PDB file of N, CA and C in Angstrom:
ATOM      1  N   MET A   1     -57.762  39.673  38.700  1.00  0.00           N
ATOM      2  CA  MET A   1     -56.318  39.665  38.555  1.00  0.00           C
ATOM      3  C   MET A   1     -55.815  41.097  38.747  1.00  0.00           C
ATOM      4  N   GLN A   2     -54.740  41.244  39.517  1.00  0.00           N
ATOM      5  CA  GLN A   2     -54.192  42.565  39.816  1.00  0.00           C
ATOM      6  C   GLN A   2     -52.677  42.541  39.672  1.00  0.00           C
ATOM      7  N   ALA A   3     -52.138  43.444  38.864  1.00  0.00           N
ATOM      8  CA  ALA A   3     -50.680  43.565  38.748  1.00  0.00           C
ATOM      9  C   ALA A   3     -50.129  44.075  40.072  1.00  0.00           C
ATOM     10  N   GLN A   4     -49.072  43.416  40.575  1.00  0.00           N
ATOM     11  CA  GLN A   4     -48.463  43.812  41.845  1.00  0.00           C
ATOM     12  C   GLN A   4     -47.263  44.725  41.632  1.00  0.00           C
ATOM     13  N   TYR A   5     -46.429  44.389  40.659  1.00  0.00           N
ATOM     14  CA  TYR A   5     -45.283  45.230  40.333  1.00  0.00           C
ATOM     15  C   TYR A   5     -44.643  44.741  39.049  1.00  0.00           C
ATOM     16  N   LEU A   6     -43.831  45.604  38.460  1.00  0.00           N
ATOM     17  CA  LEU A   6     -43.059  45.242  37.278  1.00  0.00           C
ATOM     18  C   LEU A   6     -41.911  44.362  37.736  1.00  0.00           C
ATOM     19  N   GLY A   7     -41.840  43.152  37.218  1.00  0.00           N
ATOM     20  CA  GLY A   7     -40.821  42.201  37.653  1.00  0.00           C
ATOM     21  C   GLY A   7     -39.452  42.476  37.073  1.00  0.00           C
ATOM     22  N   HIS A   8     -39.375  42.553  35.756  1.00  0.00           N
ATOM     23  CA  HIS A   8     -38.089  42.819  35.118  1.00  0.00           C
ATOM     24  C   HIS A   8     -38.303  43.331  33.700  1.00  0.00           C
ATOM     25  N   VAL A   9     -37.245  43.925  33.171  1.00  0.00           N
ATOM     26  CA  VAL A   9     -37.245  44.440  31.804  1.00  0.00           C
ATOM     27  C   VAL A   9     -35.991  43.910  31.123  1.00  0.00           C
ATOM     28  N   VAL A  10     -36.135  43.483  29.869  1.00  0.00           N
ATOM     29  CA  VAL A  10     -34.997  42.982  29.098  1.00  0.00           C
ATOM     30  C   VAL A  10     -34.810  43.874  27.876  1.00  0.00           C
ATOM     31  N   PHE A  11     -33.585  44.372  27.712  1.00  0.00           N
ATOM     32  CA  PHE A  11     -33.247  45.204  26.560  1.00  0.00           C
ATOM     33  C   PHE A  11     -32.167  44.535  25.726  1.00  0.00           C
ATOM     34  N   TYR A  12     -32.337  44.571  24.390  1.00  0.00           N
ATOM     35  CA  TYR A  12     -31.253  44.257  23.467  1.00  0.00           C
ATOM     36  C   TYR A  12     -30.474  45.556  23.286  1.00  0.00           C
ATOM     37  N   VAL A  13     -29.160  45.514  23.477  1.00  0.00           N
ATOM     38  CA  VAL A  13     -28.349  46.730  23.390  1.00  0.00           C
ATOM     39  C   VAL A  13     -27.226  46.567  22.375  1.00  0.00           C
ATOM     40  N   LYS A  14     -26.774  47.684  21.838  1.00  0.00           N
ATOM     41  CA  LYS A  14     -25.681  47.673  20.866  1.00  0.00           C
ATOM     42  C   LYS A  14     -24.361  47.324  21.538  1.00  0.00           C
ATOM     43  N   ASP A  15     -24.079  47.955  22.681  1.00  0.00           N
ATOM     44  CA  ASP A  15     -22.797  47.768  23.365  1.00  0.00           C
ATOM     45  C   ASP A  15     -23.062  47.542  24.852  1.00  0.00           C
ATOM     46  N   LEU A  16     -22.758  46.353  25.341  1.00  0.00           N
ATOM     47  CA  LEU A  16     -23.058  45.996  26.723  1.00  0.00           C
ATOM     48  C   LEU A  16     -22.337  46.895  27.716  1.00  0.00           C
ATOM     49  N   GLU A  17     -21.054  47.138  27.513  1.00  0.00           N
ATOM     50  CA  GLU A  17     -20.287  47.931  28.477  1.00  0.00           C
ATOM     51  C   GLU A  17     -20.794  49.371  28.570  1.00  0.00           C
ATOM     52  N   THR A  18     -21.166  49.954  27.438  1.00  0.00           N
ATOM     53  CA  THR A  18     -21.711  51.310  27.447  1.00  0.00           C
ATOM     54  C   THR A  18     -23.040  51.346  28.194  1.00  0.00           C
ATOM     55  N   SER A  19     -23.898  50.375  27.925  1.00  0.00           N
ATOM     56  CA  SER A  19     -25.195  50.312  28.604  1.00  0.00           C
ATOM     57  C   SER A  19     -25.025  50.044  30.092  1.00  0.00           C
ATOM     58  N   LEU A  20     -24.101  49.144  30.437  1.00  0.00           N
ATOM     59  CA  LEU A  20     -23.821  48.872  31.852  1.00  0.00           C
ATOM     60  C   LEU A  20     -23.349  50.126  32.565  1.00  0.00           C
ATOM     61  N   SER A  21     -22.491  50.877  31.926  1.00  0.00           N
ATOM     62  CA  SER A  21     -21.982  52.108  32.515  1.00  0.00           C
ATOM     63  C   SER A  21     -23.128  53.043  32.882  1.00  0.00           C
ATOM     64  N   PHE A  22     -24.118  53.144  32.014  1.00  0.00           N
ATOM     65  CA  PHE A  22     -25.264  54.008  32.295  1.00  0.00           C
ATOM     66  C   PHE A  22     -26.119  53.458  33.436  1.00  0.00           C
ATOM     67  N   TYR A  23     -26.599  52.223  33.288  1.00  0.00           N
ATOM     68  CA  TYR A  23     -27.531  51.677  34.278  1.00  0.00           C
ATOM     69  C   TYR A  23     -26.877  51.430  35.639  1.00  0.00           C
ATOM     70  N   ARG A  24     -25.609  51.097  35.654  1.00  0.00           N
ATOM     71  CA  ARG A  24     -24.898  50.827  36.910  1.00  0.00           C
ATOM     72  C   ARG A  24     -24.377  52.118  37.540  1.00  0.00           C
ATOM     73  N   ASP A  25     -23.621  52.892  36.775  1.00  0.00           N
ATOM     74  CA  ASP A  25     -22.911  54.044  37.331  1.00  0.00           C
ATOM     75  C   ASP A  25     -23.759  55.309  37.439  1.00  0.00           C
ATOM     76  N   VAL A  26     -24.727  55.478  36.541  1.00  0.00           N
ATOM     77  CA  VAL A  26     -25.560  56.678  36.566  1.00  0.00           C
ATOM     78  C   VAL A  26     -26.878  56.420  37.304  1.00  0.00           C
ATOM     79  N   VAL A  27     -27.575  55.338  36.915  1.00  0.00           N
ATOM     80  CA  VAL A  27     -28.888  55.056  37.499  1.00  0.00           C
ATOM     81  C   VAL A  27     -28.765  54.403  38.881  1.00  0.00           C
ATOM     82  N   GLY A  28     -27.731  53.602  39.107  1.00  0.00           N
ATOM     83  CA  GLY A  28     -27.503  53.020  40.420  1.00  0.00           C
ATOM     84  C   GLY A  28     -27.850  51.554  40.590  1.00  0.00           C
ATOM     85  N   PHE A  29     -28.109  50.834  39.484  1.00  0.00           N
ATOM     86  CA  PHE A  29     -28.338  49.395  39.585  1.00  0.00           C
ATOM     87  C   PHE A  29     -27.029  48.691  39.943  1.00  0.00           C
ATOM     88  N   GLN A  30     -27.134  47.509  40.549  1.00  0.00           N
ATOM     89  CA  GLN A  30     -25.966  46.693  40.887  1.00  0.00           C
ATOM     90  C   GLN A  30     -25.908  45.505  39.928  1.00  0.00           C
ATOM     91  N   GLU A  31     -24.761  45.294  39.305  1.00  0.00           N
ATOM     92  CA  GLU A  31     -24.585  44.134  38.428  1.00  0.00           C
ATOM     93  C   GLU A  31     -24.454  42.894  39.297  1.00  0.00           C
ATOM     94  N   ILE A  32     -25.267  41.858  38.989  1.00  0.00           N
ATOM     95  CA  ILE A  32     -25.236  40.643  39.804  1.00  0.00           C
ATOM     96  C   ILE A  32     -24.746  39.416  39.049  1.00  0.00           C
ATOM     97  N   GLY A  33     -24.538  39.533  37.746  1.00  0.00           N
ATOM     98  CA  GLY A  33     -24.026  38.390  37.013  1.00  0.00           C
ATOM     99  C   GLY A  33     -24.072  38.583  35.515  1.00  0.00           C
ATOM    100  N   ARG A  34     -23.328  37.703  34.839  1.00  0.00           N
ATOM    101  CA  ARG A  34     -23.289  37.711  33.371  1.00  0.00           C
ATOM    102  C   ARG A  34     -23.647  36.324  32.864  1.00  0.00           C
ATOM    103  N   ILE A  35     -24.294  36.305  31.696  1.00  0.00           N
ATOM    104  CA  ILE A  35     -24.650  35.050  31.040  1.00  0.00           C
ATOM    105  C   ILE A  35     -24.355  35.178  29.553  1.00  0.00           C
ATOM    106  N   PHE A  36     -24.645  34.124  28.805  1.00  0.00           N
ATOM    107  CA  PHE A  36     -24.434  34.107  27.354  1.00  0.00           C
ATOM    108  C   PHE A  36     -23.001  34.490  27.007  1.00  0.00           C
ATOM    109  N   ASP A  37     -22.041  33.802  27.631  1.00  0.00           N
ATOM    110  CA  ASP A  37     -20.612  34.041  27.383  1.00  0.00           C
ATOM    111  C   ASP A  37     -20.225  35.503  27.585  1.00  0.00           C
ATOM    112  N   GLY A  38     -20.813  36.137  28.587  1.00  0.00           N
ATOM    113  CA  GLY A  38     -20.485  37.522  28.903  1.00  0.00           C
ATOM    114  C   GLY A  38     -21.177  38.555  28.047  1.00  0.00           C
ATOM    115  N   LYS A  39     -22.085  38.127  27.162  1.00  0.00           N
ATOM    116  CA  LYS A  39     -22.778  39.063  26.269  1.00  0.00           C
ATOM    117  C   LYS A  39     -24.078  39.595  26.871  1.00  0.00           C
ATOM    118  N   ALA A  40     -24.371  39.219  28.116  1.00  0.00           N
ATOM    119  CA  ALA A  40     -25.568  39.712  28.797  1.00  0.00           C
ATOM    120  C   ALA A  40     -25.252  39.911  30.268  1.00  0.00           C
ATOM    121  N   ALA A  41     -25.902  40.901  30.863  1.00  0.00           N
ATOM    122  CA  ALA A  41     -25.682  41.196  32.277  1.00  0.00           C
ATOM    123  C   ALA A  41     -27.018  41.409  32.975  1.00  0.00           C
ATOM    124  N   ALA A  42     -27.128  40.840  34.172  1.00  0.00           N
ATOM    125  CA  ALA A  42     -28.312  41.026  35.010  1.00  0.00           C
ATOM    126  C   ALA A  42     -27.998  42.079  36.064  1.00  0.00           C
ATOM    127  N   LEU A  43     -28.965  42.954  36.303  1.00  0.00           N
ATOM    128  CA  LEU A  43     -28.791  44.022  37.288  1.00  0.00           C
ATOM    129  C   LEU A  43     -29.985  44.058  38.234  1.00  0.00           C
ATOM    130  N   THR A  44     -29.742  44.556  39.450  1.00  0.00           N
ATOM    131  CA  THR A  44     -30.804  44.661  40.437  1.00  0.00           C
ATOM    132  C   THR A  44     -30.713  45.976  41.189  1.00  0.00           C
ATOM    133  N   SER A  45     -31.857  46.395  41.701  1.00  0.00           N
ATOM    134  CA  SER A  45     -31.899  47.539  42.615  1.00  0.00           C
ATOM    135  C   SER A  45     -31.994  47.035  44.049  1.00  0.00           C
ATOM    136  N   GLY A  46     -32.110  45.718  44.185  1.00  0.00           N
ATOM    137  CA  GLY A  46     -32.224  45.095  45.493  1.00  0.00           C
ATOM    138  C   GLY A  46     -33.628  44.653  45.844  1.00  0.00           C
ATOM    139  N   ARG A  47     -34.617  44.989  45.018  1.00  0.00           N
ATOM    140  CA  ARG A  47     -36.003  44.624  45.297  1.00  0.00           C
ATOM    141  C   ARG A  47     -36.299  43.167  44.956  1.00  0.00           C
ATOM    142  N   THR A  48     -35.814  42.714  43.809  1.00  0.00           N
ATOM    143  CA  THR A  48     -36.003  41.320  43.395  1.00  0.00           C
ATOM    144  C   THR A  48     -34.663  40.797  42.894  1.00  0.00           C
ATOM    145  N   HIS A  49     -34.648  39.543  42.459  1.00  0.00           N
ATOM    146  CA  HIS A  49     -33.392  38.958  41.978  1.00  0.00           C
ATOM    147  C   HIS A  49     -32.763  39.832  40.910  1.00  0.00           C
ATOM    148  N   HIS A  50     -33.519  40.126  39.865  1.00  0.00           N
ATOM    149  CA  HIS A  50     -33.031  41.061  38.839  1.00  0.00           C
ATOM    150  C   HIS A  50     -34.220  41.831  38.274  1.00  0.00           C
ATOM    151  N   GLU A  51     -34.019  43.108  38.089  1.00  0.00           N
ATOM    152  CA  GLU A  51     -35.056  43.932  37.471  1.00  0.00           C
ATOM    153  C   GLU A  51     -34.701  44.296  36.044  1.00  0.00           C
ATOM    154  N   LEU A  52     -33.446  44.121  35.687  1.00  0.00           N
ATOM    155  CA  LEU A  52     -32.985  44.545  34.374  1.00  0.00           C
ATOM    156  C   LEU A  52     -32.010  43.524  33.814  1.00  0.00           C
ATOM    157  N   LEU A  53     -32.215  43.144  32.555  1.00  0.00           N
ATOM    158  CA  LEU A  53     -31.291  42.264  31.851  1.00  0.00           C
ATOM    159  C   LEU A  53     -30.922  42.949  30.546  1.00  0.00           C
ATOM    160  N   LEU A  54     -29.628  43.119  30.318  1.00  0.00           N
ATOM    161  CA  LEU A  54     -29.120  43.737  29.095  1.00  0.00           C
ATOM    162  C   LEU A  54     -28.452  42.661  28.260  1.00  0.00           C
ATOM    163  N   ILE A  55     -28.845  42.534  26.990  1.00  0.00           N
ATOM    164  CA  ILE A  55     -28.274  41.531  26.091  1.00  0.00           C
ATOM    165  C   ILE A  55     -27.653  42.253  24.902  1.00  0.00           C
ATOM    166  N   GLU A  56     -26.350  42.076  24.720  1.00  0.00           N
ATOM    167  CA  GLU A  56     -25.648  42.746  23.623  1.00  0.00           C
ATOM    168  C   GLU A  56     -25.925  42.044  22.302  1.00  0.00           C
ATOM    169  N   VAL A  57     -26.371  42.829  21.307  1.00  0.00           N
ATOM    170  CA  VAL A  57     -26.616  42.288  19.970  1.00  0.00           C
ATOM    171  C   VAL A  57     -25.823  43.027  18.897  1.00  0.00           C
ATOM    172  N   GLY A  58     -25.078  44.053  19.282  1.00  0.00           N
ATOM    173  CA  GLY A  58     -24.260  44.784  18.316  1.00  0.00           C
ATOM    174  C   GLY A  58     -25.094  45.609  17.359  1.00  0.00           C
ATOM    175  N   ASP A  59     -24.593  45.775  16.148  1.00  0.00           N
ATOM    176  CA  ASP A  59     -25.282  46.553  15.115  1.00  0.00           C
ATOM    177  C   ASP A  59     -26.264  45.675  14.370  1.00  0.00           C
ATOM    178  N   ALA A  60     -27.336  45.296  15.010  1.00  0.00           N
ATOM    179  CA  ALA A  60     -28.293  44.389  14.383  1.00  0.00           C
ATOM    180  C   ALA A  60     -29.718  44.884  14.599  1.00  0.00           C
ATOM    181  N   PRO A  61     -30.108  46.001  13.982  1.00  0.00           N
ATOM    182  CA  PRO A  61     -31.444  46.532  14.198  1.00  0.00           C
ATOM    183  C   PRO A  61     -32.534  45.772  13.453  1.00  0.00           C
ATOM    184  N   GLY A  62     -32.176  44.841  12.584  1.00  0.00           N
ATOM    185  CA  GLY A  62     -33.176  44.099  11.826  1.00  0.00           C
ATOM    186  C   GLY A  62     -32.834  42.627  11.792  1.00  0.00           C
ATOM    187  N   PRO A  63     -33.122  41.946  10.675  1.00  0.00           N
ATOM    188  CA  PRO A  63     -32.829  40.521  10.553  1.00  0.00           C
ATOM    189  C   PRO A  63     -31.366  40.237  10.819  1.00  0.00           C
ATOM    190  N   PRO A  64     -30.981  39.070  11.246  1.00  0.00           N
ATOM    191  CA  PRO A  64     -31.828  37.901  11.452  1.00  0.00           C
ATOM    192  C   PRO A  64     -32.739  38.045  12.668  1.00  0.00           C
ATOM    193  N   PRO A  65     -33.844  37.269  12.660  1.00  0.00           N
ATOM    194  CA  PRO A  65     -34.816  37.352  13.748  1.00  0.00           C
ATOM    195  C   PRO A  65     -34.154  37.227  15.114  1.00  0.00           C
ATOM    196  N   GLY A  66     -34.656  38.009  16.041  1.00  0.00           N
ATOM    197  CA  GLY A  66     -34.140  37.973  17.396  1.00  0.00           C
ATOM    198  C   GLY A  66     -32.918  38.834  17.612  1.00  0.00           C
ATOM    199  N   ARG A  67     -32.463  39.530  16.588  1.00  0.00           N
ATOM    200  CA  ARG A  67     -31.244  40.341  16.707  1.00  0.00           C
ATOM    201  C   ARG A  67     -31.579  41.815  16.526  1.00  0.00           C
ATOM    202  N   ARG A  68     -32.516  42.288  17.275  1.00  0.00           N
ATOM    203  CA  ARG A  68     -32.918  43.688  17.193  1.00  0.00           C
ATOM    204  C   ARG A  68     -32.406  44.432  18.417  1.00  0.00           C
ATOM    205  N   ARG A  69     -32.523  45.747  18.416  1.00  0.00           N
ATOM    206  CA  ARG A  69     -32.160  46.531  19.592  1.00  0.00           C
ATOM    207  C   ARG A  69     -33.422  47.130  20.186  1.00  0.00           C
ATOM    208  N   GLY A  70     -33.385  47.363  21.480  1.00  0.00           N
ATOM    209  CA  GLY A  70     -34.515  47.977  22.171  1.00  0.00           C
ATOM    210  C   GLY A  70     -35.167  47.005  23.134  1.00  0.00           C
ATOM    211  N   LEU A  71     -36.401  47.291  23.486  1.00  0.00           N
ATOM    212  CA  LEU A  71     -37.132  46.473  24.442  1.00  0.00           C
ATOM    213  C   LEU A  71     -37.384  45.084  23.881  1.00  0.00           C
ATOM    214  N   TYR A  72     -37.042  44.054  24.650  1.00  0.00           N
ATOM    215  CA  TYR A  72     -37.300  42.672  24.242  1.00  0.00           C
ATOM    216  C   TYR A  72     -38.546  42.159  24.942  1.00  0.00           C
ATOM    217  N   HIS A  73     -38.573  42.221  26.279  1.00  0.00           N
ATOM    218  CA  HIS A  73     -39.791  41.860  26.992  1.00  0.00           C
ATOM    219  C   HIS A  73     -39.777  42.408  28.407  1.00  0.00           C
ATOM    220  N   ILE A  74     -40.959  42.372  29.038  1.00  0.00           N
ATOM    221  CA  ILE A  74     -41.085  42.757  30.432  1.00  0.00           C
ATOM    222  C   ILE A  74     -41.788  41.635  31.184  1.00  0.00           C
ATOM    223  N   GLY A  75     -41.556  41.566  32.475  1.00  0.00           N
ATOM    224  CA  GLY A  75     -42.252  40.611  33.333  1.00  0.00           C
ATOM    225  C   GLY A  75     -43.047  41.386  34.369  1.00  0.00           C
ATOM    226  N   ILE A  76     -44.315  41.033  34.542  1.00  0.00           N
ATOM    227  CA  ILE A  76     -45.173  41.716  35.503  1.00  0.00           C
ATOM    228  C   ILE A  76     -45.625  40.710  36.549  1.00  0.00           C
ATOM    229  N   LYS A  77     -45.401  41.013  37.816  1.00  0.00           N
ATOM    230  CA  LYS A  77     -45.820  40.146  38.917  1.00  0.00           C
ATOM    231  C   LYS A  77     -47.319  40.315  39.105  1.00  0.00           C
ATOM    232  N   ILE A  78     -48.068  39.236  38.890  1.00  0.00           N
ATOM    233  CA  ILE A  78     -49.520  39.269  39.002  1.00  0.00           C
ATOM    234  C   ILE A  78     -49.984  38.654  40.318  1.00  0.00           C
ATOM    235  N   GLY A  79     -49.456  37.507  40.651  1.00  0.00           N
ATOM    236  CA  GLY A  79     -49.840  36.809  41.879  1.00  0.00           C
ATOM    237  C   GLY A  79     -48.803  35.755  42.183  1.00  0.00           C
ATOM    238  N   ASP A  80     -49.094  34.904  43.113  1.00  0.00           N
ATOM    239  CA  ASP A  80     -48.189  33.814  43.454  1.00  0.00           C
ATOM    240  C   ASP A  80     -48.206  32.788  42.331  1.00  0.00           C
ATOM    241  N   SER A  81     -47.051  32.205  42.022  1.00  0.00           N
ATOM    242  CA  SER A  81     -46.995  31.211  40.944  1.00  0.00           C
ATOM    243  C   SER A  81     -47.863  30.004  41.272  1.00  0.00           C
ATOM    244  N   LEU A  82     -48.183  29.799  42.522  1.00  0.00           N
ATOM    245  CA  LEU A  82     -49.050  28.691  42.915  1.00  0.00           C
ATOM    246  C   LEU A  82     -50.514  28.991  42.647  1.00  0.00           C
ATOM    247  N   ASP A  83     -50.840  30.254  42.360  1.00  0.00           N
ATOM    248  CA  ASP A  83     -52.218  30.634  42.079  1.00  0.00           C
ATOM    249  C   ASP A  83     -52.682  30.163  40.703  1.00  0.00           C
ATOM    250  N   ALA A  84     -51.753  29.815  39.829  1.00  0.00           N
ATOM    251  CA  ALA A  84     -52.090  29.425  38.462  1.00  0.00           C
ATOM    252  C   ALA A  84     -52.717  28.116  38.457  1.00  0.00           C
TER     253      ALA A  84
END
């Protein structure tokens, strides 16, 4: 098994608009859509559908479960989905 590339990264963020401003306007990602009633945004550099997903959770660094800030998960491209 060989990792081919990092597929995507998902971050829980305090403020979606502030985070979008950084990743879009400073880093250069393109916003391609919003989900979860506008509380999340998908971004791409053009390599894959989306490389970055930002999910706004506000001031919730602890409980309730699932409401933390920071890295949520990453996706790593290993092989073709038909290889499984």
